[in-house]
Protein backbone atom coordinates (compact mmCIF):
# COMPACT_ATOMS: atom_id res chain seq x y z
CA MET A 1 -2.34 2.18 -3.77
CA ILE A 2 -1.03 -0.70 -1.71
CA VAL A 3 1.53 -2.90 -3.42
CA LEU A 4 1.95 -6.57 -2.52
CA THR A 5 5.49 -7.79 -3.13
CA ALA A 6 7.45 -11.00 -2.96
CA PRO A 7 9.17 -11.75 0.35
CA ASN A 8 12.42 -9.85 0.91
CA ASP A 9 12.02 -7.83 -2.32
CA VAL A 10 13.16 -4.53 -0.89
CA ALA A 11 14.04 -3.15 -4.33
CA ALA A 12 10.46 -3.68 -5.57
CA ALA A 13 9.05 -2.03 -2.46
CA ILE A 14 11.29 1.01 -2.83
CA HIS A 15 10.53 1.25 -6.55
CA SER A 16 6.78 1.11 -5.88
CA LEU A 17 6.92 3.73 -3.14
CA ARG A 18 8.98 6.05 -5.33
CA ARG A 19 6.40 5.64 -8.11
CA GLY A 20 3.53 6.72 -5.86
CA ALA A 21 2.38 3.72 -3.84
CA ASN A 22 0.98 4.62 -0.44
CA ASP A 23 2.17 1.43 1.20
CA CYS A 24 3.89 -1.85 0.48
CA LEU A 25 3.31 -5.25 2.03
CA ALA A 26 5.46 -8.34 1.52
CA LYS A 27 3.88 -11.73 0.92
CA PRO A 28 2.92 -13.79 2.81
CA PHE A 29 0.94 -11.39 4.97
CA GLU A 30 -1.81 -11.59 7.53
CA LEU A 31 -5.24 -10.58 6.26
CA ASP A 32 -5.74 -8.35 9.32
CA ASP A 33 -2.56 -6.47 8.38
CA LEU A 34 -3.83 -5.83 4.84
CA VAL A 35 -7.25 -4.74 6.12
CA ALA A 36 -5.62 -2.29 8.55
CA ARG A 37 -3.49 -0.81 5.78
CA ILE A 38 -6.53 -0.45 3.51
CA ALA A 39 -8.39 1.31 6.32
CA THR A 40 -5.48 3.74 6.63
CA VAL A 41 -5.25 4.48 2.89
CA LEU A 42 -8.98 4.82 2.19
CA PRO A 43 -9.54 8.12 4.03
CA ARG A 44 -6.65 9.68 2.14
CA THR A 45 -8.00 8.58 -1.22
CA ALA A 46 -11.54 9.63 -0.34
CA SER A 47 -10.41 13.17 0.44
CA PHE A 48 -8.46 13.22 -2.83
CA ASP A 49 -11.56 12.15 -4.82
CA SER A 50 -13.78 14.79 -3.21
CA LYS A 51 -11.48 17.55 -4.51
CA ALA A 52 -12.15 16.58 -8.12
């Protein structure tokens, strides 16, 4: 799970990561940055799903 947060909302980012988010990205963000983060998270979630 990638969480998109408000700018400079460090508390929300920390809360999300402690609750299980894989990554956190503050708005505004570059689309290329989000795509790169998705590409990083997808292989981890795919291997998790194949174990079910």
